[in-house]
Amino acid sequence: QVQLVESGGGLVQPGGSLRLSCTASGRSFSNNPMGWFRQAPGKEREFVSAISWHGGNTDYGDSVKGRFFISRDNAKSTVYLQMNSLKAEDTAVYYCAADIDNFRSLLIPRWGSEYDVWGHGTQVTVSS
């Protein structure tokens, strides 16, 4: 079965760091953009970050720019989200997604509807 599996979530104190991983199985997404989204209770799904197929282009939501960094290792079929200077408002379930209709393009959409394959999410809680 084609799937994306997030890992690395957990409890971290404000100001701390955490690295999320998203590993693909069943098929390769090395030619596709990958994105990270998050959703907190009572809030809409929010764009966090996205990365082009070769990792050369990245995009970040305003709320995380300068603190979060996305990267990928296509040889490992894995996308990462390094989260630094974490705040309580970063608390959410984080999802990774693949835009399989986008083949080796510089386009890295920030709209969830553009992504086709989603992971089940990993919980990130920022609290003292």
Protein backbone atom coordinates (compact mmCIF):
# COMPACT_ATOMS: atom_id res chain seq x y z
CA GLN A 1 0.00 0.00 0.00
CA VAL A 2 1.22 3.49 -0.85
CA GLN A 3 1.62 5.47 2.32
CA LEU A 4 3.41 8.25 4.13
CA VAL A 5 4.30 7.79 7.76
CA GLU A 6 5.24 10.69 10.02
CA SER A 7 7.39 10.26 13.08
CA GLY A 8 9.30 12.33 15.59
CA GLY A 9 6.44 14.08 17.29
CA GLY A 10 6.17 14.39 21.02
CA LEU A 11 6.25 16.76 23.96
CA VAL A 12 8.79 19.56 23.97
CA GLN A 13 9.26 22.68 26.09
CA PRO A 14 8.83 26.16 24.63
CA GLY A 15 12.03 27.26 22.96
CA GLY A 16 13.03 23.71 22.26
CA SER A 17 13.54 21.89 19.00
CA LEU A 18 12.08 18.84 17.35
CA ARG A 19 12.64 17.11 14.05
CA LEU A 20 9.83 15.40 12.23
CA SER A 21 10.35 12.75 9.58
CA CYS A 22 8.06 11.54 6.85
CA THR A 23 8.96 8.30 5.13
CA ALA A 24 7.28 7.01 2.00
CA SER A 25 6.63 3.40 1.13
CA GLY A 26 4.88 1.64 -1.71
CA ARG A 27 6.13 4.09 -4.29
CA SER A 28 8.69 6.79 -4.74
CA PHE A 29 7.84 10.47 -4.35
CA SER A 30 11.31 11.60 -5.33
CA ASN A 31 9.94 13.42 -8.39
CA ASN A 32 7.22 15.21 -6.48
CA PRO A 33 6.88 18.17 -4.18
CA MET A 34 6.29 17.34 -0.55
CA GLY A 35 4.54 19.45 2.01
CA TRP A 36 3.95 19.72 5.72
CA PHE A 37 0.65 20.86 7.17
CA ARG A 38 -0.67 21.11 10.68
CA GLN A 39 -4.01 21.28 12.40
CA ALA A 40 -4.74 22.32 15.95
CA PRO A 41 -8.04 21.60 17.72
CA GLY A 42 -10.73 23.99 16.56
CA LYS A 43 -8.58 25.45 13.81
CA GLU A 44 -8.33 25.02 10.08
CA ARG A 45 -5.57 23.02 8.51
CA GLU A 46 -2.56 25.28 8.06
CA PHE A 47 0.24 25.22 5.54
CA VAL A 48 3.61 24.85 7.22
CA SER A 49 6.20 24.19 4.54
CA ALA A 50 6.84 22.59 1.17
CA ILE A 51 9.84 21.49 -0.82
CA SER A 52 10.46 20.84 -4.51
CA TRP A 53 11.34 17.43 -5.89
CA HIS A 54 15.09 17.98 -5.73
CA GLY A 55 15.03 20.05 -2.57
CA GLY A 56 16.24 23.19 -4.29
CA ASN A 57 13.15 25.27 -3.62
CA THR A 58 11.32 25.68 -0.36
CA ASP A 59 8.37 27.63 0.97
CA TYR A 60 7.22 28.40 4.50
CA GLY A 61 4.15 29.72 6.17
CA ASP A 62 4.54 33.11 7.79
CA SER A 63 4.08 31.75 11.29
CA VAL A 64 7.04 29.38 11.02
CA LYS A 65 9.40 31.19 8.67
CA GLY A 66 12.84 31.55 10.20
CA ARG A 67 12.16 28.85 12.78
CA PHE A 68 11.28 25.77 10.75
CA PHE A 69 13.36 24.22 8.00
CA ILE A 70 12.31 21.59 5.50
CA SER A 71 14.66 19.19 3.77
CA ARG A 72 14.54 15.87 1.99
CA ASP A 73 16.68 12.84 1.30
CA ASN A 74 15.29 11.13 -1.76
CA ALA A 75 17.66 8.19 -1.36
CA LYS A 76 15.92 7.49 1.95
CA SER A 77 12.45 8.43 0.68
CA THR A 78 12.24 10.79 3.60
CA VAL A 79 11.26 14.41 4.13
CA TYR A 80 12.19 16.24 7.30
CA LEU A 81 10.87 19.21 9.19
CA GLN A 82 13.32 20.73 11.64
CA MET A 83 11.40 22.84 14.14
CA ASN A 84 13.30 25.31 16.29
CA SER A 85 12.30 27.92 18.85
CA LEU A 86 9.03 26.12 19.35
CA LYS A 87 6.08 28.00 20.77
CA ALA A 88 2.90 26.84 22.42
CA GLU A 89 0.97 27.86 19.31
CA ASP A 90 2.95 25.30 17.32
CA THR A 91 1.03 22.58 19.13
CA ALA A 92 -0.86 20.60 16.52
CA VAL A 93 -1.02 17.38 14.60
CA TYR A 94 1.50 17.59 11.80
CA TYR A 95 0.87 15.90 8.48
CA CYS A 96 3.09 15.31 5.50
CA ALA A 97 1.69 15.11 2.00
CA ALA A 98 2.79 14.46 -1.58
CA ASP A 99 1.64 16.21 -4.73
CA ILE A 100 1.84 13.29 -7.13
CA ASP A 101 0.41 15.30 -10.04
CA ASN A 102 3.44 17.58 -9.95
CA PHE A 103 6.35 15.98 -11.80
CA ARG A 104 9.77 17.60 -11.41
CA SER A 105 8.29 21.04 -11.23
CA LEU A 106 9.46 24.08 -9.33
CA LEU A 107 5.89 24.60 -8.24
CA ILE A 108 5.37 23.78 -4.58
CA PRO A 109 1.76 24.54 -3.74
CA ARG A 110 0.68 25.63 -0.30
CA TRP A 111 -2.93 24.54 -0.71
CA GLY A 112 -3.86 21.26 0.87
CA SER A 113 -6.26 20.44 -1.94
CA GLU A 114 -3.31 20.16 -4.32
CA TYR A 115 -1.81 17.26 -2.42
CA ASP A 116 -2.89 13.73 -3.15
CA VAL A 117 -1.31 11.41 -0.59
CA TRP A 118 -1.37 12.14 3.11
CA GLY A 119 0.10 10.63 6.19
CA HIS A 120 -1.87 10.00 9.35
CA GLY A 121 -0.11 12.70 11.32
CA THR A 122 2.10 12.99 14.35
CA GLN A 123 1.27 14.98 17.46
CA VAL A 124 3.52 17.83 18.50
CA THR A 125 2.85 19.37 21.90
CA VAL A 126 4.78 22.41 23.08
CA SER A 127 4.28 22.94 26.78
CA SER A 128 6.13 23.43 30.04
